[in-house]
Amino acid sequence: MNVREAIRMSPQELAAFLAQERTVVCGTVGRGGVPHLMPLWYVVRDGELWAWTYAASQKVRNLERDPRATLLVEAGEVYEELRGVMLTAETVIERDGAAVAALGLELYTRYHEALSDEVRSMIEHQAPKRVALRFVERSRTSWDHRKLTAAG
């Protein structure tokens, strides 16, 4: 049996993994061609990863020039526990203030559960300075090394 196939996550396993994990590392192409890697909080909407960030950030400038991104979500401390997914994606930058604010509320709800009025106000205040990033998946590679011992 092909090891790569044996450790690939099923769609259900991948959905559960993305729901559990909290940070995606987003790689963009910098001006000089050097990869630019930054961590982001994310939510999954209809199978797509979404994040928000400051509109003036380097990653947004990079994505405006070249919308390609590579995303990595990984977990595990030792080799036998490693699991993750790498996605290549085209990035759609959403600038509509209401949509950006709605995503901000969704993110903070995911990471903090209950939202105080103060946090809601902070998100609404930040939204005009931010953009939403929708990562449209082009390819995927996933792995779950815990399956190695089960297959072994």
C-alpha atoms as a PDB file:
ATOM      1  CA  MET A   1       0.000   0.000   0.000  1.00  0.00           C
ATOM      2  CA  ASN A   2       1.163   3.530  -0.801  1.00  0.00           C
ATOM      3  CA  VAL A   3       2.107   5.276   2.479  1.00  0.00           C
ATOM      4  CA  ARG A   4       0.967   8.680   1.156  1.00  0.00           C
ATOM      5  CA  GLU A   5      -2.502   7.217   0.511  1.00  0.00           C
ATOM      6  CA  ALA A   6      -2.538   5.440   3.868  1.00  0.00           C
ATOM      7  CA  ILE A   7      -1.973   8.635   5.857  1.00  0.00           C
ATOM      8  CA  ARG A   8      -4.215  10.959   3.835  1.00  0.00           C
ATOM      9  CA  MET A   9      -7.137  12.398   5.816  1.00  0.00           C
ATOM     10  CA  SER A  10     -10.645  11.684   4.597  1.00  0.00           C
ATOM     11  CA  PRO A  11     -12.887  14.710   3.962  1.00  0.00           C
ATOM     12  CA  GLN A  12     -14.607  14.059   7.316  1.00  0.00           C
ATOM     13  CA  GLU A  13     -11.294  13.769   9.162  1.00  0.00           C
ATOM     14  CA  LEU A  14     -10.049  16.962   7.536  1.00  0.00           C
ATOM     15  CA  ALA A  15     -13.212  18.873   8.459  1.00  0.00           C
ATOM     16  CA  ALA A  16     -12.901  17.734  12.095  1.00  0.00           C
ATOM     17  CA  PHE A  17      -9.193  18.635  12.130  1.00  0.00           C
ATOM     18  CA  LEU A  18      -9.790  22.154  10.782  1.00  0.00           C
ATOM     19  CA  ALA A  19     -12.627  22.664  13.278  1.00  0.00           C
ATOM     20  CA  GLN A  20     -10.294  21.693  16.136  1.00  0.00           C
ATOM     21  CA  GLU A  21      -7.155  23.604  15.190  1.00  0.00           C
ATOM     22  CA  ARG A  22      -6.820  27.351  15.630  1.00  0.00           C
ATOM     23  CA  THR A  23      -4.045  28.784  13.467  1.00  0.00           C
ATOM     24  CA  VAL A  24      -3.257  28.643   9.769  1.00  0.00           C
ATOM     25  CA  VAL A  25       0.139  29.723   8.460  1.00  0.00           C
ATOM     26  CA  CYS A  26      -0.403  31.685   5.266  1.00  0.00           C
ATOM     27  CA  GLY A  27       2.407  31.838   2.741  1.00  0.00           C
ATOM     28  CA  THR A  28       2.345  34.548   0.075  1.00  0.00           C
ATOM     29  CA  VAL A  29       4.866  35.540  -2.581  1.00  0.00           C
ATOM     30  CA  GLY A  30       6.844  38.607  -1.534  1.00  0.00           C
ATOM     31  CA  ARG A  31       7.947  41.303  -3.965  1.00  0.00           C
ATOM     32  CA  GLY A  32      11.373  39.709  -4.467  1.00  0.00           C
ATOM     33  CA  GLY A  33       9.906  36.214  -4.807  1.00  0.00           C
ATOM     34  CA  VAL A  34      10.772  35.269  -1.223  1.00  0.00           C
ATOM     35  CA  PRO A  35       7.984  33.466   0.659  1.00  0.00           C
ATOM     36  CA  HIS A  36       6.244  35.580   3.310  1.00  0.00           C
ATOM     37  CA  LEU A  37       4.737  33.423   6.096  1.00  0.00           C
ATOM     38  CA  MET A  38       2.293  34.695   8.705  1.00  0.00           C
ATOM     39  CA  PRO A  39      -0.090  33.012  11.168  1.00  0.00           C
ATOM     40  CA  LEU A  40      -3.797  33.820  11.000  1.00  0.00           C
ATOM     41  CA  TRP A  41      -6.932  32.867  12.849  1.00  0.00           C
ATOM     42  CA  TYR A  42      -9.468  31.310  10.520  1.00  0.00           C
ATOM     43  CA  VAL A  43     -13.000  30.037  10.131  1.00  0.00           C
ATOM     44  CA  VAL A  44     -14.268  27.452   7.675  1.00  0.00           C
ATOM     45  CA  ARG A  45     -17.234  28.509   5.543  1.00  0.00           C
ATOM     46  CA  ASP A  46     -18.642  25.979   3.085  1.00  0.00           C
ATOM     47  CA  GLY A  47     -15.347  24.107   3.111  1.00  0.00           C
ATOM     48  CA  GLU A  48     -13.210  27.221   2.478  1.00  0.00           C
ATOM     49  CA  LEU A  49     -10.839  28.886   4.909  1.00  0.00           C
ATOM     50  CA  TRP A  50     -11.488  32.565   5.617  1.00  0.00           C
ATOM     51  CA  ALA A  51      -9.358  34.976   7.638  1.00  0.00           C
ATOM     52  CA  TRP A  52      -9.166  38.693   8.258  1.00  0.00           C
ATOM     53  CA  THR A  53      -6.174  40.962   8.469  1.00  0.00           C
ATOM     54  CA  TYR A  54      -5.227  44.615   8.203  1.00  0.00           C
ATOM     55  CA  ALA A  55      -5.670  45.955   4.676  1.00  0.00           C
ATOM     56  CA  ALA A  56      -2.244  47.630   4.828  1.00  0.00           C
ATOM     57  CA  SER A  57      -0.420  44.441   5.850  1.00  0.00           C
ATOM     58  CA  GLN A  58       2.402  42.998   3.793  1.00  0.00           C
ATOM     59  CA  LYS A  59       0.438  39.812   3.099  1.00  0.00           C
ATOM     60  CA  VAL A  60      -2.397  41.827   1.545  1.00  0.00           C
ATOM     61  CA  ARG A  61       0.036  43.807  -0.605  1.00  0.00           C
ATOM     62  CA  ASN A  62       1.542  40.502  -1.720  1.00  0.00           C
ATOM     63  CA  LEU A  63      -1.892  39.034  -2.485  1.00  0.00           C
ATOM     64  CA  GLU A  64      -2.893  42.117  -4.456  1.00  0.00           C
ATOM     65  CA  ARG A  65       0.125  41.500  -6.733  1.00  0.00           C
ATOM     66  CA  ASP A  66      -0.256  37.709  -6.805  1.00  0.00           C
ATOM     67  CA  PRO A  67      -3.371  36.051  -5.308  1.00  0.00           C
ATOM     68  CA  ARG A  68      -1.700  32.660  -4.874  1.00  0.00           C
ATOM     69  CA  ALA A  69      -1.279  31.442  -1.303  1.00  0.00           C
ATOM     70  CA  THR A  70      -0.117  28.285   0.405  1.00  0.00           C
ATOM     71  CA  LEU A  71      -1.813  27.481   3.705  1.00  0.00           C
ATOM     72  CA  LEU A  72      -0.592  25.123   6.414  1.00  0.00           C
ATOM     73  CA  VAL A  73      -2.430  23.836   9.460  1.00  0.00           C
ATOM     74  CA  GLU A  74      -0.464  21.269  11.447  1.00  0.00           C
ATOM     75  CA  ALA A  75      -0.589  19.632  14.864  1.00  0.00           C
ATOM     76  CA  GLY A  76       1.494  17.154  16.826  1.00  0.00           C
ATOM     77  CA  GLU A  77       4.658  17.161  18.893  1.00  0.00           C
ATOM     78  CA  VAL A  78       6.479  14.045  17.706  1.00  0.00           C
ATOM     79  CA  TYR A  79       6.665  12.411  14.273  1.00  0.00           C
ATOM     80  CA  GLU A  80       4.136   9.691  15.085  1.00  0.00           C
ATOM     81  CA  GLU A  81       1.549  12.351  16.070  1.00  0.00           C
ATOM     82  CA  LEU A  82       1.996  14.766  13.169  1.00  0.00           C
ATOM     83  CA  ARG A  83      -1.092  15.565  11.164  1.00  0.00           C
ATOM     84  CA  GLY A  84      -1.981  18.451   8.979  1.00  0.00           C
ATOM     85  CA  VAL A  85      -3.023  19.864   5.663  1.00  0.00           C
ATOM     86  CA  MET A  86      -1.335  22.044   3.080  1.00  0.00           C
ATOM     87  CA  LEU A  87      -3.633  23.877   0.698  1.00  0.00           C
ATOM     88  CA  THR A  88      -2.737  25.883  -2.354  1.00  0.00           C
ATOM     89  CA  ALA A  89      -5.317  28.550  -3.026  1.00  0.00           C
ATOM     90  CA  GLU A  90      -6.286  31.608  -5.000  1.00  0.00           C
ATOM     91  CA  THR A  91      -7.169  34.393  -2.597  1.00  0.00           C
ATOM     92  CA  VAL A  92     -10.204  36.628  -2.979  1.00  0.00           C
ATOM     93  CA  ILE A  93      -9.860  39.866  -1.020  1.00  0.00           C
ATOM     94  CA  GLU A  94     -13.208  41.080   0.311  1.00  0.00           C
ATOM     95  CA  ARG A  95     -13.336  44.778   1.229  1.00  0.00           C
ATOM     96  CA  ASP A  96     -17.035  45.312   1.926  1.00  0.00           C
ATOM     97  CA  GLY A  97     -17.192  46.732   5.466  1.00  0.00           C
ATOM     98  CA  ALA A  98     -20.281  44.793   6.537  1.00  0.00           C
ATOM     99  CA  ALA A  99     -18.838  41.510   5.247  1.00  0.00           C
ATOM    100  CA  VAL A 100     -15.495  42.177   6.940  1.00  0.00           C
ATOM    101  CA  ALA A 101     -17.209  43.039  10.250  1.00  0.00           C
ATOM    102  CA  ALA A 102     -19.369  39.892  10.024  1.00  0.00           C
ATOM    103  CA  LEU A 103     -16.245  37.785   9.532  1.00  0.00           C
ATOM    104  CA  GLY A 104     -14.561  39.511  12.476  1.00  0.00           C
ATOM    105  CA  LEU A 105     -17.538  38.658  14.686  1.00  0.00           C
ATOM    106  CA  GLU A 106     -17.472  35.060  13.442  1.00  0.00           C
ATOM    107  CA  LEU A 107     -13.756  34.755  14.167  1.00  0.00           C
ATOM    108  CA  TYR A 108     -14.016  36.174  17.657  1.00  0.00           C
ATOM    109  CA  THR A 109     -17.017  33.973  18.397  1.00  0.00           C
ATOM    110  CA  ARG A 110     -15.003  30.924  17.345  1.00  0.00           C
ATOM    111  CA  TYR A 111     -11.984  31.845  19.448  1.00  0.00           C
ATOM    112  CA  HIS A 112     -13.642  33.480  22.446  1.00  0.00           C
ATOM    113  CA  GLU A 113     -17.215  32.103  22.357  1.00  0.00           C
ATOM    114  CA  ALA A 114     -19.153  34.843  24.154  1.00  0.00           C
ATOM    115  CA  LEU A 115     -18.742  38.361  22.802  1.00  0.00           C
ATOM    116  CA  SER A 116     -19.046  41.305  25.130  1.00  0.00           C
ATOM    117  CA  ASP A 117     -20.375  44.638  23.898  1.00  0.00           C
ATOM    118  CA  GLU A 118     -16.835  45.966  24.253  1.00  0.00           C
ATOM    119  CA  VAL A 119     -15.433  43.284  21.922  1.00  0.00           C
ATOM    120  CA  ARG A 120     -18.244  43.827  19.404  1.00  0.00           C
ATOM    121  CA  SER A 121     -17.456  47.530  19.413  1.00  0.00           C
ATOM    122  CA  MET A 122     -13.743  46.833  18.940  1.00  0.00           C
ATOM    123  CA  ILE A 123     -14.464  44.572  15.944  1.00  0.00           C
ATOM    124  CA  GLU A 124     -16.765  47.142  14.348  1.00  0.00           C
ATOM    125  CA  HIS A 125     -14.107  49.815  14.913  1.00  0.00           C
ATOM    126  CA  GLN A 126     -11.372  47.649  13.340  1.00  0.00           C
ATOM    127  CA  ALA A 127     -13.415  46.408  10.353  1.00  0.00           C
ATOM    128  CA  PRO A 128     -12.874  49.502   8.144  1.00  0.00           C
ATOM    129  CA  LYS A 129      -9.103  48.972   8.477  1.00  0.00           C
ATOM    130  CA  ARG A 130      -9.285  45.259   7.627  1.00  0.00           C
ATOM    131  CA  VAL A 131     -10.099  42.948   4.759  1.00  0.00           C
ATOM    132  CA  ALA A 132     -11.525  39.436   4.623  1.00  0.00           C
ATOM    133  CA  LEU A 133      -9.467  36.797   2.851  1.00  0.00           C
ATOM    134  CA  ARG A 134     -11.312  33.918   1.178  1.00  0.00           C
ATOM    135  CA  PHE A 135      -8.959  31.125   0.190  1.00  0.00           C
ATOM    136  CA  VAL A 136     -10.319  29.233  -2.823  1.00  0.00           C
ATOM    137  CA  GLU A 137      -8.661  25.825  -2.710  1.00  0.00           C
ATOM    138  CA  ARG A 138      -6.761  24.651  -5.805  1.00  0.00           C
ATOM    139  CA  SER A 139      -4.999  21.602  -4.360  1.00  0.00           C
ATOM    140  CA  ARG A 140      -4.642  19.763  -1.065  1.00  0.00           C
ATOM    141  CA  THR A 141      -2.176  17.475   0.644  1.00  0.00           C
ATOM    142  CA  SER A 142      -3.062  16.041   4.049  1.00  0.00           C
ATOM    143  CA  TRP A 143      -1.362  13.653   6.429  1.00  0.00           C
ATOM    144  CA  ASP A 144      -2.057  11.907   9.703  1.00  0.00           C
ATOM    145  CA  HIS A 145       0.996  10.044  10.954  1.00  0.00           C
ATOM    146  CA  ARG A 146      -1.085   8.407  13.672  1.00  0.00           C
ATOM    147  CA  LYS A 147      -2.316   6.147  10.856  1.00  0.00           C
ATOM    148  CA  LEU A 148       1.233   4.814  10.359  1.00  0.00           C
ATOM    149  CA  THR A 149       1.050   2.692  13.499  1.00  0.00           C
ATOM    150  CA  ALA A 150      -2.453   1.515  12.578  1.00  0.00           C
ATOM    151  CA  ALA A 151      -1.262   0.519   9.083  1.00  0.00           C
ATOM    152  CA  GLY A 152       2.127  -0.740  10.302  1.00  0.00           C
END
